[in-house]
Amino acid sequence: MERSETINYGNRVTLQGGGPQSVLSVSIRESRPFTLYAEATVQVPPTTSRASVLPQLTLNWGNGSAFSEMTVPVYGATRLPVVARSVEVFANLVDVKTGKDVIDANIRCVVSAFLSHGTEGGASRPLMQRRQGRGHEGLLAQWPTGLAVVRAHHPGIAPRFLQFFDARELAKNGDVPAFELPLPPLPGRATEDRPQGIGFLDGVAWSVSATWGVLTRDVGADVSLDAELFA
């Protein structure tokens, strides 16, 4: 079967430093609906936090000389519908602190993607799910995801810090968070909105800490947490 008539087309590439790398390129005779399915697995040295590395896809699609472009993060499995005659997909690793490409050759990412005819009616980004917590610690997810929205209320009279850890288990004293927010004393509200999400590649554990930058668990805290995650 000629490539111009390919119905399913996929590829698996390993990113290891450097810039964007081509994942797949498909062209057919006429515009049709497609769905792109993609997954990414990041491997880092023990001294590096996986939450500091974000895999992302750049998708170019169009018809004739007209093209659109979209860049999306990949948290676990991602599904993106498009309608086009030609589709190109590139992948790269981004340092979430600098926004630049990761150049460390010790950091690897395996990206798998395939393109299928038809759509499932999904949105142009991963679906969202809402998670809630109450108390001084908890788990929001035990799978790769992105933390997009945080709303927290702290009724205490002393300042505290809401810390999030890239882990599938509850954090321990001395652990270093992947992301944290200050919780001021009364009225003690903290909010954060990240449309692209903060990447967590093992899971999302949270805890209330008496110190910034390292966990000192406040077991007496009673924080109400409302969060939105990529599904």
C-alpha atoms as a PDB file:
ATOM      1  CA  MET A   1       0.000   0.000   0.000  1.00  0.00           C
ATOM      2  CA  GLU A   2       1.386   3.401  -0.965  1.00  0.00           C
ATOM      3  CA  ARG A   3       2.112   5.848   1.807  1.00  0.00           C
ATOM      4  CA  SER A   4      -0.404   8.321   0.306  1.00  0.00           C
ATOM      5  CA  GLU A   5      -3.096   5.783   1.178  1.00  0.00           C
ATOM      6  CA  THR A   6      -1.808   4.894   4.642  1.00  0.00           C
ATOM      7  CA  ILE A   7      -4.688   4.538   7.109  1.00  0.00           C
ATOM      8  CA  ASN A   8      -2.680   3.974  10.287  1.00  0.00           C
ATOM      9  CA  TYR A   9       0.800   5.389  10.512  1.00  0.00           C
ATOM     10  CA  GLY A  10       2.950   5.466  13.640  1.00  0.00           C
ATOM     11  CA  ASN A  11       6.456   5.687  14.961  1.00  0.00           C
ATOM     12  CA  ARG A  12       8.514   5.493  18.139  1.00  0.00           C
ATOM     13  CA  VAL A  13      11.516   7.771  18.662  1.00  0.00           C
ATOM     14  CA  THR A  14      13.980   8.332  21.498  1.00  0.00           C
ATOM     15  CA  LEU A  15      14.774  11.940  22.377  1.00  0.00           C
ATOM     16  CA  GLN A  16      18.170  12.478  23.975  1.00  0.00           C
ATOM     17  CA  GLY A  17      19.229  16.099  24.154  1.00  0.00           C
ATOM     18  CA  GLY A  18      19.015  18.530  21.258  1.00  0.00           C
ATOM     19  CA  GLY A  19      15.990  20.096  19.626  1.00  0.00           C
ATOM     20  CA  PRO A  20      12.784  18.853  18.007  1.00  0.00           C
ATOM     21  CA  GLN A  21      12.833  15.491  16.256  1.00  0.00           C
ATOM     22  CA  SER A  22      10.437  14.274  13.577  1.00  0.00           C
ATOM     23  CA  VAL A  23       8.029  11.596  14.801  1.00  0.00           C
ATOM     24  CA  LEU A  24       5.826  11.085  11.759  1.00  0.00           C
ATOM     25  CA  SER A  25       4.787  12.696   8.487  1.00  0.00           C
ATOM     26  CA  VAL A  26       1.701  11.605   6.565  1.00  0.00           C
ATOM     27  CA  SER A  27       0.133  12.864   3.333  1.00  0.00           C
ATOM     28  CA  ILE A  28      -3.014  11.609   1.583  1.00  0.00           C
ATOM     29  CA  ARG A  29      -4.952  12.619  -1.549  1.00  0.00           C
ATOM     30  CA  GLU A  30      -7.746  14.587   0.186  1.00  0.00           C
ATOM     31  CA  SER A  31      -8.588  16.064   3.580  1.00  0.00           C
ATOM     32  CA  ARG A  32      -9.985  13.633   6.137  1.00  0.00           C
ATOM     33  CA  PRO A  33     -10.504  13.577   9.902  1.00  0.00           C
ATOM     34  CA  PHE A  34      -7.601  12.112  11.878  1.00  0.00           C
ATOM     35  CA  THR A  35      -6.890  11.375  15.499  1.00  0.00           C
ATOM     36  CA  LEU A  36      -3.334  11.486  16.791  1.00  0.00           C
ATOM     37  CA  TYR A  37      -2.585   9.213  19.751  1.00  0.00           C
ATOM     38  CA  ALA A  38       0.676   9.798  21.626  1.00  0.00           C
ATOM     39  CA  GLU A  39       2.499   8.741  24.804  1.00  0.00           C
ATOM     40  CA  ALA A  40       5.845   9.775  26.306  1.00  0.00           C
ATOM     41  CA  THR A  41       8.071   8.160  28.945  1.00  0.00           C
ATOM     42  CA  VAL A  42      10.904  10.201  30.473  1.00  0.00           C
ATOM     43  CA  GLN A  43      14.028   8.650  32.003  1.00  0.00           C
ATOM     44  CA  VAL A  44      16.324  10.877  34.070  1.00  0.00           C
ATOM     45  CA  PRO A  45      19.390  10.367  36.316  1.00  0.00           C
ATOM     46  CA  PRO A  46      18.628   9.853  40.034  1.00  0.00           C
ATOM     47  CA  THR A  47      19.788  13.408  40.798  1.00  0.00           C
ATOM     48  CA  THR A  48      17.278  15.009  38.417  1.00  0.00           C
ATOM     49  CA  SER A  49      13.588  15.615  39.089  1.00  0.00           C
ATOM     50  CA  ARG A  50      11.394  14.265  36.322  1.00  0.00           C
ATOM     51  CA  ALA A  51       8.942  17.075  37.045  1.00  0.00           C
ATOM     52  CA  SER A  52      11.520  19.515  35.623  1.00  0.00           C
ATOM     53  CA  VAL A  53      11.366  17.884  32.170  1.00  0.00           C
ATOM     54  CA  LEU A  54       8.338  18.262  29.915  1.00  0.00           C
ATOM     55  CA  PRO A  55       7.818  16.219  26.721  1.00  0.00           C
ATOM     56  CA  GLN A  56       5.835  18.099  24.117  1.00  0.00           C
ATOM     57  CA  LEU A  57       4.558  17.584  20.575  1.00  0.00           C
ATOM     58  CA  THR A  58       4.372  20.125  17.789  1.00  0.00           C
ATOM     59  CA  LEU A  59       1.655  19.240  15.320  1.00  0.00           C
ATOM     60  CA  ASN A  60       1.491  20.797  11.824  1.00  0.00           C
ATOM     61  CA  TRP A  61      -1.561  19.996   9.760  1.00  0.00           C
ATOM     62  CA  GLY A  62      -3.358  21.469   6.753  1.00  0.00           C
ATOM     63  CA  ASN A  63      -4.486  21.303   3.165  1.00  0.00           C
ATOM     64  CA  GLY A  64      -2.644  22.704   0.140  1.00  0.00           C
ATOM     65  CA  SER A  65      -0.576  25.725   1.206  1.00  0.00           C
ATOM     66  CA  ALA A  66      -2.686  26.443   4.312  1.00  0.00           C
ATOM     67  CA  PHE A  67      -1.326  24.997   7.582  1.00  0.00           C
ATOM     68  CA  SER A  68      -1.997  25.293  11.285  1.00  0.00           C
ATOM     69  CA  GLU A  69       0.392  24.564  14.148  1.00  0.00           C
ATOM     70  CA  MET A  70      -0.196  23.511  17.748  1.00  0.00           C
ATOM     71  CA  THR A  71       2.239  22.642  20.541  1.00  0.00           C
ATOM     72  CA  VAL A  72       0.891  20.526  23.393  1.00  0.00           C
ATOM     73  CA  PRO A  73       2.434  18.846  26.452  1.00  0.00           C
ATOM     74  CA  VAL A  74       2.268  15.054  26.698  1.00  0.00           C
ATOM     75  CA  TYR A  75       1.134  13.699  30.072  1.00  0.00           C
ATOM     76  CA  GLY A  76       0.634   9.971  29.783  1.00  0.00           C
ATOM     77  CA  ALA A  77      -1.691   9.213  26.856  1.00  0.00           C
ATOM     78  CA  THR A  78      -2.757  12.175  24.718  1.00  0.00           C
ATOM     79  CA  ARG A  79      -5.430  12.306  21.993  1.00  0.00           C
ATOM     80  CA  LEU A  80      -5.697  15.124  19.449  1.00  0.00           C
ATOM     81  CA  PRO A  81      -8.263  15.302  16.606  1.00  0.00           C
ATOM     82  CA  VAL A  82      -7.496  17.163  13.354  1.00  0.00           C
ATOM     83  CA  VAL A  83      -8.906  17.376   9.833  1.00  0.00           C
ATOM     84  CA  ALA A  84      -6.238  17.645   7.140  1.00  0.00           C
ATOM     85  CA  ARG A  85      -4.622  16.312   3.999  1.00  0.00           C
ATOM     86  CA  SER A  86      -1.123  16.275   5.472  1.00  0.00           C
ATOM     87  CA  VAL A  87       0.070  15.947   9.073  1.00  0.00           C
ATOM     88  CA  GLU A  88       3.565  16.310  10.533  1.00  0.00           C
ATOM     89  CA  VAL A  89       4.478  15.673  14.161  1.00  0.00           C
ATOM     90  CA  PHE A  90       7.675  16.689  15.955  1.00  0.00           C
ATOM     91  CA  ALA A  91       8.670  15.980  19.568  1.00  0.00           C
ATOM     92  CA  ASN A  92      11.086  17.687  21.925  1.00  0.00           C
ATOM     93  CA  LEU A  93      11.968  17.915  25.615  1.00  0.00           C
ATOM     94  CA  VAL A  94      11.621  21.231  27.423  1.00  0.00           C
ATOM     95  CA  ASP A  95      13.178  22.396  30.684  1.00  0.00           C
ATOM     96  CA  VAL A  96      10.119  23.692  32.567  1.00  0.00           C
ATOM     97  CA  LYS A  97      12.221  26.260  34.461  1.00  0.00           C
ATOM     98  CA  THR A  98      13.778  27.910  31.396  1.00  0.00           C
ATOM     99  CA  GLY A  99      11.329  26.980  28.642  1.00  0.00           C
ATOM    100  CA  LYS A 100      14.284  25.928  26.475  1.00  0.00           C
ATOM    101  CA  ASP A 101      15.136  22.568  24.929  1.00  0.00           C
ATOM    102  CA  VAL A 102      16.793  20.040  27.216  1.00  0.00           C
ATOM    103  CA  ILE A 103      20.394  19.448  26.106  1.00  0.00           C
ATOM    104  CA  ASP A 104      21.461  16.936  28.776  1.00  0.00           C
ATOM    105  CA  ALA A 105      22.325  13.683  26.962  1.00  0.00           C
ATOM    106  CA  ASN A 106      21.662  11.732  30.180  1.00  0.00           C
ATOM    107  CA  ILE A 107      17.953  12.569  29.944  1.00  0.00           C
ATOM    108  CA  ARG A 108      16.016  10.315  27.573  1.00  0.00           C
ATOM    109  CA  CYS A 109      12.415  10.303  26.454  1.00  0.00           C
ATOM    110  CA  VAL A 110      10.663   7.637  24.400  1.00  0.00           C
ATOM    111  CA  VAL A 111       7.777   9.078  22.370  1.00  0.00           C
ATOM    112  CA  SER A 112       5.246   6.806  20.679  1.00  0.00           C
ATOM    113  CA  ALA A 113       2.649   8.219  18.300  1.00  0.00           C
ATOM    114  CA  PHE A 114       0.328   7.016  15.591  1.00  0.00           C
ATOM    115  CA  LEU A 115      -2.251   8.628  13.362  1.00  0.00           C
ATOM    116  CA  SER A 116      -5.605   7.017  12.630  1.00  0.00           C
ATOM    117  CA  HIS A 117      -8.444   8.031  10.324  1.00  0.00           C
ATOM    118  CA  GLY A 118     -11.567   9.256  12.082  1.00  0.00           C
ATOM    119  CA  THR A 119     -12.087  11.180  15.326  1.00  0.00           C
ATOM    120  CA  GLU A 120     -13.560  10.410  18.715  1.00  0.00           C
ATOM    121  CA  GLY A 121     -14.985  13.880  19.170  1.00  0.00           C
ATOM    122  CA  GLY A 122     -12.320  14.846  21.694  1.00  0.00           C
ATOM    123  CA  ALA A 123     -11.157  18.363  22.445  1.00  0.00           C
ATOM    124  CA  SER A 124      -7.947  19.778  21.020  1.00  0.00           C
ATOM    125  CA  ARG A 125      -6.119  19.027  24.257  1.00  0.00           C
ATOM    126  CA  PRO A 126      -6.295  16.303  26.899  1.00  0.00           C
ATOM    127  CA  LEU A 127      -9.479  16.148  28.959  1.00  0.00           C
ATOM    128  CA  MET A 128      -9.490  17.565  32.481  1.00  0.00           C
ATOM    129  CA  GLN A 129     -10.511  15.980  35.747  1.00  0.00           C
ATOM    130  CA  ARG A 130     -11.161  17.581  39.113  1.00  0.00           C
ATOM    131  CA  ARG A 131      -9.596  16.308  42.332  1.00  0.00           C
ATOM    132  CA  GLN A 132     -10.166  17.475  45.902  1.00  0.00           C
ATOM    133  CA  GLY A 133      -8.345  17.020  49.182  1.00  0.00           C
ATOM    134  CA  ARG A 134      -8.724  17.971  52.820  1.00  0.00           C
ATOM    135  CA  GLY A 135      -6.309  17.893  55.748  1.00  0.00           C
ATOM    136  CA  HIS A 136      -2.509  18.086  55.765  1.00  0.00           C
ATOM    137  CA  GLU A 137      -1.571  15.674  52.935  1.00  0.00           C
ATOM    138  CA  GLY A 138      -2.935  13.406  50.243  1.00  0.00           C
ATOM    139  CA  LEU A 139      -2.638  11.945  46.738  1.00  0.00           C
ATOM    140  CA  LEU A 140      -4.166  13.582  43.674  1.00  0.00           C
ATOM    141  CA  ALA A 141      -2.933  11.051  41.099  1.00  0.00           C
ATOM    142  CA  GLN A 142      -0.836   7.914  40.833  1.00  0.00           C
ATOM    143  CA  TRP A 143      -0.173   8.208  37.117  1.00  0.00           C
ATOM    144  CA  PRO A 144       1.534  10.719  34.760  1.00  0.00           C
ATOM    145  CA  THR A 145      -0.422  13.950  34.537  1.00  0.00           C
ATOM    146  CA  GLY A 146      -0.249  17.729  34.496  1.00  0.00           C
ATOM    147  CA  LEU A 147      -1.420  19.980  37.312  1.00  0.00           C
ATOM    148  CA  ALA A 148      -3.290  22.881  35.705  1.00  0.00           C
ATOM    149  CA  VAL A 149      -5.330  24.571  38.453  1.00  0.00           C
ATOM    150  CA  VAL A 150      -4.905  24.807  42.222  1.00  0.00           C
ATOM    151  CA  ARG A 151      -7.295  26.446  44.689  1.00  0.00           C
ATOM    152  CA  ALA A 152      -6.489  26.094  48.381  1.00  0.00           C
ATOM    153  CA  HIS A 153      -7.868  27.537  51.620  1.00  0.00           C
ATOM    154  CA  HIS A 154      -5.776  27.574  54.798  1.00  0.00           C
ATOM    155  CA  PRO A 155      -7.661  28.615  57.970  1.00  0.00           C
ATOM    156  CA  GLY A 156      -4.566  28.613  60.190  1.00  0.00           C
ATOM    157  CA  ILE A 157      -3.026  31.640  61.880  1.00  0.00           C
ATOM    158  CA  ALA A 158       0.575  30.827  60.844  1.00  0.00           C
ATOM    159  CA  PRO A 159       1.936  30.913  57.262  1.00  0.00           C
ATOM    160  CA  ARG A 160       2.397  27.527  55.655  1.00  0.00           C
ATOM    161  CA  PHE A 161       3.422  26.118  52.262  1.00  0.00           C
ATOM    162  CA  LEU A 162       1.434  23.836  49.979  1.00  0.00           C
ATOM    163  CA  GLN A 163       3.894  21.443  48.337  1.00  0.00           C
ATOM    164  CA  PHE A 164       3.409  19.031  45.438  1.00  0.00           C
ATOM    165  CA  PHE A 165       5.661  16.014  44.811  1.00  0.00           C
ATOM    166  CA  ASP A 166       6.262  13.892  41.721  1.00  0.00           C
ATOM    167  CA  ALA A 167       5.440  10.621  43.465  1.00  0.00           C
ATOM    168  CA  ARG A 168       2.830   7.878  43.767  1.00  0.00           C
ATOM    169  CA  GLU A 169       3.162   7.787  47.543  1.00  0.00           C
ATOM    170  CA  LEU A 170       2.783  10.350  50.319  1.00  0.00           C
ATOM    171  CA  ALA A 171       5.847  12.528  50.807  1.00  0.00           C
ATOM    172  CA  LYS A 172       8.193  12.260  53.797  1.00  0.00           C
ATOM    173  CA  ASN A 173       9.891  14.925  55.881  1.00  0.00           C
ATOM    174  CA  GLY A 174      12.936  16.184  54.029  1.00  0.00           C
ATOM    175  CA  ASP A 175      11.538  15.534  50.538  1.00  0.00           C
ATOM    176  CA  VAL A 176      11.982  18.333  47.991  1.00  0.00           C
ATOM    177  CA  PRO A 177       8.790  19.393  46.190  1.00  0.00           C
ATOM    178  CA  ALA A 178       8.463  19.680  42.436  1.00  0.00           C
ATOM    179  CA  PHE A 179       6.204  22.706  42.921  1.00  0.00           C
ATOM    180  CA  GLU A 180       4.937  24.702  45.909  1.00  0.00           C
ATOM    181  CA  LEU A 181       2.718  27.619  46.835  1.00  0.00           C
ATOM    182  CA  PRO A 182       2.777  29.880  49.919  1.00  0.00           C
ATOM    183  CA  LEU A 183      -0.273  29.623  52.176  1.00  0.00           C
ATOM    184  CA  PRO A 184      -0.584  32.928  54.025  1.00  0.00           C
ATOM    185  CA  PRO A 185      -2.373  33.128  57.377  1.00  0.00           C
ATOM    186  CA  LEU A 186      -6.046  34.073  57.501  1.00  0.00           C
ATOM    187  CA  PRO A 187      -7.782  34.399  55.069  1.00  0.00           C
ATOM    188  CA  GLY A 188      -5.099  32.008  53.752  1.00  0.00           C
ATOM    189  CA  ARG A 189      -6.050  31.514  50.117  1.00  0.00           C
ATOM    190  CA  ALA A 190      -3.661  30.337  47.386  1.00  0.00           C
ATOM    191  CA  THR A 191      -4.392  30.005  43.677  1.00  0.00           C
ATOM    192  CA  GLU A 192      -2.404  28.934  40.630  1.00  0.00           C
ATOM    193  CA  ASP A 193      -3.436  28.589  36.980  1.00  0.00           C
ATOM    194  CA  ARG A 194      -1.122  26.875  34.485  1.00  0.00           C
ATOM    195  CA  PRO A 195      -2.888  26.320  31.120  1.00  0.00           C
ATOM    196  CA  GLN A 196      -0.059  24.087  29.861  1.00  0.00           C
ATOM    197  CA  GLY A 197       0.099  22.213  33.167  1.00  0.00           C
ATOM    198  CA  ILE A 198       2.966  21.434  35.530  1.00  0.00           C
ATOM    199  CA  GLY A 199       4.297  18.008  34.570  1.00  0.00           C
ATOM    200  CA  PHE A 200       4.282  15.114  37.038  1.00  0.00           C
ATOM    201  CA  LEU A 201       5.500  11.848  35.535  1.00  0.00           C
ATOM    202  CA  ASP A 202       4.985   9.442  38.463  1.00  0.00           C
ATOM    203  CA  GLY A 203       1.976  10.962  40.199  1.00  0.00           C
ATOM    204  CA  VAL A 204       0.954  13.926  42.337  1.00  0.00           C
ATOM    205  CA  ALA A 205       1.255  13.872  46.129  1.00  0.00           C
ATOM    206  CA  TRP A 206       0.639  16.985  48.209  1.00  0.00           C
ATOM    207  CA  SER A 207       1.467  18.043  51.738  1.00  0.00           C
ATOM    208  CA  VAL A 208       1.343  21.125  53.960  1.00  0.00           C
ATOM    209  CA  SER A 209       4.785  22.187  55.142  1.00  0.00           C
ATOM    210  CA  ALA A 210       6.036  24.582  57.807  1.00  0.00           C
ATOM    211  CA  THR A 211       9.132  25.321  55.691  1.00  0.00           C
ATOM    212  CA  TRP A 212       9.764  26.434  52.113  1.00  0.00           C
ATOM    213  CA  GLY A 213      11.806  24.289  49.727  1.00  0.00           C
ATOM    214  CA  VAL A 214      11.787  21.108  51.795  1.00  0.00           C
ATOM    215  CA  LEU A 215       8.978  19.254  53.518  1.00  0.00           C
ATOM    216  CA  THR A 216       8.417  19.715  57.238  1.00  0.00           C
ATOM    217  CA  ARG A 217       4.970  18.153  57.627  1.00  0.00           C
ATOM    218  CA  ASP A 218       2.355  20.100  59.582  1.00  0.00           C
ATOM    219  CA  VAL A 219       0.148  17.236  60.714  1.00  0.00           C
ATOM    220  CA  GLY A 220      -2.262  19.652  62.389  1.00  0.00           C
ATOM    221  CA  ALA A 221      -3.063  21.578  59.211  1.00  0.00           C
ATOM    222  CA  ASP A 222      -6.575  21.512  57.784  1.00  0.00           C
ATOM    223  CA  VAL A 223      -6.301  22.763  54.211  1.00  0.00           C
ATOM    224  CA  SER A 224      -9.104  22.471  51.660  1.00  0.00           C
ATOM    225  CA  LEU A 225      -7.667  21.733  48.213  1.00  0.00           C
ATOM    226  CA  ASP A 226      -9.370  21.843  44.830  1.00  0.00           C
ATOM    227  CA  ALA A 227      -7.258  20.911  41.800  1.00  0.00           C
ATOM    228  CA  GLU A 228      -7.700  20.244  38.094  1.00  0.00           C
ATOM    229  CA  LEU A 229      -5.482  17.701  36.329  1.00  0.00           C
ATOM    230  CA  PHE A 230      -5.074  16.518  32.790  1.00  0.00           C
ATOM    231  CA  ALA A 231      -6.832  13.191  32.399  1.00  0.00           C
END
